[in-house]
Amino acid sequence: MDAVKERYIMQMRWMLYAFLSSSVICLAHAEEQPAKQGRVNMGLYTKSITEQASISDIEISMNFWVKDALAFEAQKAGIDIQSTGAFLYETMQDMRADFSRGKLDIIVAPPLLISRYFKREEITDGFSGMLEGGKSDSLLLIVRADSHIHSIQDLRGKRITMLEGDELAEMFMDTLFLRSFKKGYKKVVASVQQQVKANRIVLDLYFNKADAGLAYVNSFQVMSELNPDIKNKVKILDTFEVRSKNYSYLRKGYPLANEMRQIALSFYKSARGKQILDIYKTPELHFLKVEELDTVDQLIKEHAQLVSGIK
């Protein structure tokens, strides 16, 4: 009986030894696995971000982001960023061409332009800047409160002010007028003034230099906080819901897509990240699904149908 018991004990010892040995080998193998490697190349459409920062600021901050801050955050996540790049584009055609050549991993541009130049199957979920508390920076049609403007019909013969080069604002305004007048807004209003800074649009209405204008929530809030009387002189007539002026999406099949999203969403937690986000007046970054482009797609479709209907 003692011999059987002793044999049983020896078998259990060998099994335990074999288990511990295999575990040590697996752990050693895991430690030998190299960190996940890859590159990060970002493409940015400059015309939509120069309102927040100058070209030189953009070049410095974005290269700092991808070459220093991003690499630092990636290293903490166990990722070896082998090469980085931040490429600035003045035309979407150039960005599109480089994307097609496989040069870009992340694109940053207004949602309207992304919808026009990129197919859904080419991009995957990304991230976008949001206002504090996760609020959207929607597009607002604002008018002077004392101008007796209560609908789009009341804008006939009025003075309009808009942000220069903002194609989303242009299409939204045109769609509103096509619905009401069967004409584009330029054929109905008295004048159209374009501003380089969105804050200037709010001030134009406040100082009675314009009757209506398109501005983003952030600009309207900032100016209202600086001068609370603006909310007495300016009111919101209509809104186009959009997350932010710019959307960021990743190339479909990009091997570091999940990691880059996670890093972006936690970017505000680091001192370096906060410094860069402050430059672009972006308190937070939030997850952004490709389906967020649907709202813009609907606007493009409606505008095209309205234009087609008056020809």
Protein backbone atom coordinates (compact mmCIF):
# COMPACT_ATOMS: atom_id res chain seq x y z
CA MET A 1 0.00 0.00 0.00
CA ASP A 2 2.86 2.33 0.85
CA ALA A 3 4.47 1.60 -2.54
CA VAL A 4 1.24 2.56 -4.36
CA LYS A 5 0.97 5.75 -2.34
CA GLU A 6 4.59 6.63 -3.03
CA ARG A 7 4.13 5.96 -6.77
CA TYR A 8 1.06 8.24 -6.78
CA ILE A 9 2.98 11.02 -5.05
CA MET A 10 5.82 10.74 -7.57
CA GLN A 11 3.36 10.96 -10.48
CA MET A 12 1.77 14.10 -9.03
CA ARG A 13 5.21 15.68 -8.56
CA TRP A 14 6.13 14.98 -12.20
CA MET A 15 2.82 16.45 -13.40
CA LEU A 16 3.37 19.57 -11.29
CA TYR A 17 6.94 19.89 -12.58
CA ALA A 18 5.78 19.51 -16.19
CA PHE A 19 3.06 22.15 -15.68
CA LEU A 20 5.46 24.64 -14.08
CA SER A 21 8.07 24.04 -16.76
CA SER A 22 5.61 24.64 -19.60
CA SER A 23 4.35 27.80 -17.87
CA VAL A 24 7.87 29.16 -17.53
CA ILE A 25 8.55 28.40 -21.20
CA CYS A 26 5.32 30.15 -22.25
CA LEU A 27 6.15 33.19 -20.13
CA ALA A 28 9.67 33.33 -21.50
CA HIS A 29 8.30 33.08 -25.03
CA ALA A 30 5.83 35.88 -24.31
CA GLU A 31 8.60 38.10 -22.96
CA GLU A 32 10.59 37.47 -26.10
CA GLN A 33 7.73 38.65 -28.35
CA PRO A 34 8.65 42.01 -29.87
CA ALA A 35 6.44 45.06 -29.27
CA LYS A 36 3.82 45.72 -31.93
CA GLN A 37 5.42 47.88 -34.59
CA GLY A 38 4.18 50.25 -37.25
CA ARG A 39 4.10 53.77 -38.62
CA VAL A 40 1.74 56.72 -38.14
CA ASN A 41 1.24 59.09 -41.07
CA MET A 42 -1.40 61.80 -40.69
CA GLY A 43 -2.84 63.95 -43.45
CA LEU A 44 -4.50 67.26 -42.52
CA TYR A 45 -6.56 69.60 -44.67
CA THR A 46 -5.13 72.95 -43.63
CA LYS A 47 -7.92 75.29 -44.79
CA SER A 48 -10.27 73.96 -42.13
CA ILE A 49 -7.88 74.36 -39.20
CA THR A 50 -6.05 77.62 -39.92
CA GLU A 51 -8.79 79.53 -38.09
CA GLN A 52 -7.55 78.00 -34.83
CA ALA A 53 -3.83 78.18 -35.57
CA SER A 54 -1.36 79.49 -38.12
CA ILE A 55 0.33 77.19 -40.63
CA SER A 56 3.58 77.40 -38.68
CA ASP A 57 1.79 76.49 -35.44
CA ILE A 58 0.11 73.59 -37.18
CA GLU A 59 3.38 72.28 -38.59
CA ILE A 60 5.16 72.53 -35.26
CA SER A 61 2.35 71.12 -33.13
CA MET A 62 1.44 68.26 -35.45
CA ASN A 63 5.01 67.15 -35.95
CA PHE A 64 5.46 67.36 -32.20
CA TRP A 65 2.27 65.30 -31.78
CA VAL A 66 3.29 62.47 -34.07
CA LYS A 67 7.01 62.53 -33.39
CA ASP A 68 7.05 63.07 -29.65
CA ALA A 69 3.77 62.95 -27.77
CA LEU A 70 2.25 60.16 -29.86
CA ALA A 71 5.42 58.09 -29.74
CA PHE A 72 5.54 58.57 -25.98
CA GLU A 73 1.95 57.43 -25.48
CA ALA A 74 2.43 54.53 -27.88
CA GLN A 75 5.49 53.36 -25.99
CA LYS A 76 3.46 53.23 -22.78
CA ALA A 77 0.98 50.99 -24.63
CA GLY A 78 3.76 48.68 -25.74
CA ILE A 79 3.83 49.89 -29.36
CA ASP A 80 7.01 50.67 -31.26
CA ILE A 81 6.34 53.56 -33.65
CA GLN A 82 9.06 53.17 -36.26
CA SER A 83 8.20 56.22 -38.36
CA THR A 84 5.83 59.16 -38.17
CA GLY A 85 4.73 62.00 -40.39
CA ALA A 86 2.29 64.91 -40.47
CA PHE A 87 1.43 66.06 -43.99
CA LEU A 88 -0.47 69.29 -44.65
CA TYR A 89 -2.70 69.60 -47.71
CA GLU A 90 -4.21 72.69 -49.29
CA THR A 91 -6.38 70.61 -51.62
CA MET A 92 -8.39 67.46 -50.99
CA GLN A 93 -7.29 66.16 -54.38
CA ASP A 94 -3.70 65.97 -53.14
CA MET A 95 -4.75 64.28 -49.91
CA ARG A 96 -6.87 61.83 -51.86
CA ALA A 97 -3.94 61.01 -54.18
CA ASP A 98 -1.55 60.32 -51.29
CA PHE A 99 -4.19 58.22 -49.54
CA SER A 100 -4.61 56.14 -52.70
CA ARG A 101 -0.84 55.63 -52.83
CA GLY A 102 -0.91 54.27 -49.28
CA LYS A 103 1.01 57.19 -47.83
CA LEU A 104 -1.57 58.13 -45.16
CA ASP A 105 -2.88 56.17 -42.17
CA ILE A 106 -5.09 58.90 -40.63
CA ILE A 107 -6.98 61.68 -42.41
CA VAL A 108 -8.25 64.90 -40.80
CA ALA A 109 -10.69 67.04 -42.79
CA PRO A 110 -14.23 68.48 -42.73
CA PRO A 111 -16.91 65.76 -42.88
CA LEU A 112 -18.37 67.12 -46.12
CA LEU A 113 -15.04 66.76 -47.91
CA ILE A 114 -14.34 63.32 -46.45
CA SER A 115 -17.76 62.21 -47.68
CA ARG A 116 -17.01 63.55 -51.15
CA TYR A 117 -13.49 62.21 -51.60
CA PHE A 118 -13.41 58.92 -49.67
CA LYS A 119 -15.44 55.75 -50.01
CA ARG A 120 -16.85 54.20 -46.85
CA GLU A 121 -15.03 50.92 -47.45
CA GLU A 122 -11.69 52.80 -47.49
CA ILE A 123 -11.92 54.21 -43.96
CA THR A 124 -12.73 52.97 -40.48
CA ASP A 125 -13.87 54.53 -37.20
CA GLY A 126 -11.72 57.30 -35.78
CA PHE A 127 -12.14 60.26 -33.45
CA SER A 128 -13.17 63.89 -33.43
CA GLY A 129 -12.76 66.95 -31.25
CA MET A 130 -15.73 67.84 -29.06
CA LEU A 131 -16.66 70.73 -26.83
CA GLU A 132 -16.41 70.40 -23.07
CA GLY A 133 -18.79 67.79 -21.73
CA GLY A 134 -18.85 65.93 -25.05
CA LYS A 135 -21.07 68.52 -26.74
CA SER A 136 -21.16 68.87 -30.52
CA ASP A 137 -19.79 71.95 -32.28
CA SER A 138 -22.83 72.23 -34.55
CA LEU A 139 -23.32 74.80 -37.28
CA LEU A 140 -25.70 77.61 -36.31
CA LEU A 141 -27.68 79.98 -38.48
CA ILE A 142 -27.80 83.11 -36.32
CA VAL A 143 -29.70 86.35 -36.94
CA ARG A 144 -30.11 89.73 -35.27
CA ALA A 145 -32.82 89.47 -32.65
CA ASP A 146 -34.26 92.91 -33.55
CA SER A 147 -34.42 92.30 -37.31
CA HIS A 148 -37.83 90.53 -37.25
CA ILE A 149 -36.33 87.51 -38.97
CA HIS A 150 -38.37 84.46 -37.99
CA SER A 151 -37.86 82.17 -40.99
CA ILE A 152 -35.71 81.71 -44.09
CA GLN A 153 -38.34 83.63 -46.06
CA ASP A 154 -37.46 86.70 -44.01
CA LEU A 155 -33.85 86.61 -45.25
CA ARG A 156 -34.73 87.91 -48.70
CA GLY A 157 -32.66 91.04 -49.38
CA LYS A 158 -30.69 90.69 -46.13
CA ARG A 159 -26.95 90.89 -45.45
CA ILE A 160 -25.28 87.52 -44.91
CA THR A 161 -21.88 86.80 -43.35
CA MET A 162 -20.14 83.41 -43.55
CA LEU A 163 -16.83 81.71 -42.87
CA GLU A 164 -14.50 81.80 -45.84
CA GLY A 165 -13.92 78.44 -47.51
CA ASP A 166 -16.38 76.52 -45.32
CA GLU A 167 -18.11 74.29 -47.89
CA LEU A 168 -20.43 72.72 -45.33
CA ALA A 169 -21.73 76.14 -44.32
CA GLU A 170 -22.09 77.07 -47.98
CA MET A 171 -24.13 73.96 -48.80
CA PHE A 172 -26.30 74.23 -45.70
CA MET A 173 -27.15 77.87 -46.43
CA ASP A 174 -27.84 77.11 -50.07
CA THR A 175 -30.09 74.18 -49.15
CA LEU A 176 -32.16 76.35 -46.80
CA PHE A 177 -32.75 78.90 -49.56
CA LEU A 178 -33.43 76.30 -52.24
CA ARG A 179 -36.15 74.82 -50.03
CA SER A 180 -37.86 78.19 -49.56
CA PHE A 181 -37.12 80.15 -52.73
CA LYS A 182 -36.16 77.52 -55.32
CA LYS A 183 -33.04 79.65 -55.71
CA GLY A 184 -29.56 79.62 -54.23
CA TYR A 185 -28.95 82.10 -51.42
CA LYS A 186 -26.62 84.30 -53.51
CA LYS A 187 -29.53 85.13 -55.82
CA VAL A 188 -31.84 86.12 -52.97
CA VAL A 189 -29.82 88.04 -50.37
CA ALA A 190 -28.55 91.60 -50.69
CA SER A 191 -24.89 90.82 -49.95
CA VAL A 192 -22.57 88.07 -48.79
CA GLN A 193 -19.47 88.84 -46.74
CA GLN A 194 -16.87 86.18 -45.97
CA GLN A 195 -14.83 86.23 -42.80
CA VAL A 196 -11.58 84.45 -41.99
CA LYS A 197 -12.48 84.09 -38.30
CA ALA A 198 -15.79 82.63 -37.10
CA ASN A 199 -15.77 84.97 -34.09
CA ARG A 200 -15.99 87.88 -36.52
CA ILE A 201 -19.32 86.54 -37.81
CA VAL A 202 -20.90 86.85 -34.36
CA LEU A 203 -19.52 90.37 -33.98
CA ASP A 204 -20.84 91.40 -37.42
CA LEU A 205 -24.35 90.61 -36.25
CA TYR A 206 -23.87 92.23 -32.86
CA PHE A 207 -22.64 95.51 -34.39
CA ASN A 208 -25.34 95.44 -37.09
CA LYS A 209 -22.93 94.86 -39.96
CA ALA A 210 -24.93 91.80 -41.02
CA ASP A 211 -28.44 90.43 -40.55
CA ALA A 212 -27.65 86.71 -40.57
CA GLY A 213 -24.65 84.43 -40.55
CA LEU A 214 -23.41 80.89 -40.05
CA ALA A 215 -21.14 80.21 -37.09
CA TYR A 216 -20.20 77.20 -35.02
CA VAL A 217 -21.40 76.63 -31.45
CA ASN A 218 -17.92 77.11 -30.00
CA SER A 219 -17.47 80.54 -31.57
CA PHE A 220 -20.94 81.65 -30.50
CA GLN A 221 -20.36 80.48 -26.92
CA VAL A 222 -16.93 82.05 -26.64
CA MET A 223 -18.13 85.44 -27.86
CA SER A 224 -21.24 85.26 -25.67
CA GLU A 225 -19.09 84.59 -22.61
CA LEU A 226 -16.86 87.56 -23.44
CA ASN A 227 -19.90 89.77 -24.01
CA PRO A 228 -23.14 88.40 -22.46
CA ASP A 229 -25.16 91.09 -24.28
CA ILE A 230 -24.61 89.15 -27.52
CA LYS A 231 -27.35 86.71 -26.49
CA ASN A 232 -29.73 89.65 -26.30
CA LYS A 233 -28.80 90.91 -29.76
CA VAL A 234 -28.30 87.60 -31.57
CA LYS A 235 -30.57 84.54 -31.73
CA ILE A 236 -30.35 81.08 -33.31
CA LEU A 237 -32.71 80.53 -36.26
CA ASP A 238 -31.64 77.07 -37.43
CA THR A 239 -29.03 74.37 -36.76
CA PHE A 240 -27.15 71.73 -38.68
CA GLU A 241 -26.03 68.95 -36.34
CA VAL A 242 -22.39 68.04 -36.81
CA ARG A 243 -19.85 66.69 -34.33
CA SER A 244 -17.10 69.16 -35.16
CA LYS A 245 -15.57 71.11 -38.02
CA ASN A 246 -13.13 68.27 -38.70
CA TYR A 247 -13.42 64.50 -38.52
CA SER A 248 -10.52 62.07 -38.17
CA TYR A 249 -10.73 58.61 -39.72
CA LEU A 250 -8.25 55.78 -40.11
CA ARG A 251 -7.36 53.82 -43.20
CA LYS A 252 -9.25 50.52 -43.46
CA GLY A 253 -6.88 47.68 -42.66
CA TYR A 254 -4.48 49.92 -40.73
CA PRO A 255 -2.82 47.50 -38.27
CA LEU A 256 -2.59 50.03 -35.42
CA ALA A 257 -6.17 51.31 -35.74
CA ASN A 258 -7.37 50.13 -32.33
CA GLU A 259 -4.25 51.35 -30.59
CA MET A 260 -4.38 54.78 -32.23
CA ARG A 261 -8.03 55.23 -31.28
CA GLN A 262 -7.28 54.35 -27.67
CA ILE A 263 -4.33 56.73 -27.55
CA ALA A 264 -6.35 59.55 -29.11
CA LEU A 265 -9.25 59.11 -26.68
CA SER A 266 -6.94 59.29 -23.67
CA PHE A 267 -4.74 62.03 -25.15
CA TYR A 268 -6.25 64.75 -22.98
CA LYS A 269 -5.06 62.95 -19.84
CA SER A 270 -1.41 63.75 -20.53
CA ALA A 271 0.19 67.18 -20.09
CA ARG A 272 1.63 67.01 -23.60
CA GLY A 273 -1.71 66.11 -25.08
CA LYS A 274 -3.51 68.96 -23.32
CA GLN A 275 -1.01 71.49 -24.65
CA ILE A 276 -1.68 70.43 -28.23
CA LEU A 277 -5.45 70.21 -27.84
CA ASP A 278 -5.43 73.74 -26.40
CA ILE A 279 -3.85 75.05 -29.60
CA TYR A 280 -6.85 73.81 -31.57
CA LYS A 281 -9.37 74.85 -28.90
CA THR A 282 -10.43 71.23 -28.56
CA PRO A 283 -11.08 70.24 -24.93
CA GLU A 284 -11.85 66.59 -25.68
CA LEU A 285 -11.48 63.85 -28.29
CA HIS A 286 -14.29 61.33 -28.71
CA PHE A 287 -14.81 58.09 -30.63
CA LEU A 288 -16.22 58.70 -34.10
CA LYS A 289 -18.03 56.10 -36.18
CA VAL A 290 -17.97 56.19 -39.97
CA GLU A 291 -21.77 56.32 -39.87
CA GLU A 292 -21.51 59.86 -38.51
CA LEU A 293 -21.06 60.90 -42.14
CA ASP A 294 -24.68 59.93 -42.87
CA THR A 295 -25.99 63.36 -41.86
CA VAL A 296 -23.65 65.05 -44.31
CA ASP A 297 -24.50 62.51 -47.01
CA GLN A 298 -28.18 63.38 -46.63
CA LEU A 299 -27.42 67.09 -46.99
CA ILE A 300 -25.36 66.46 -50.15
CA LYS A 301 -28.18 64.35 -51.60
CA GLU A 302 -30.90 66.88 -50.77
CA HIS A 303 -28.89 69.78 -52.16
CA ALA A 304 -28.24 67.93 -55.41
CA GLN A 305 -31.93 67.08 -55.77
CA LEU A 306 -32.98 70.67 -55.11
CA VAL A 307 -30.49 72.04 -57.63
CA SER A 308 -31.58 69.46 -60.19
CA GLY A 309 -35.22 70.37 -59.64
CA ILE A 310 -34.79 74.01 -60.62
CA LYS A 311 -32.91 73.35 -63.87
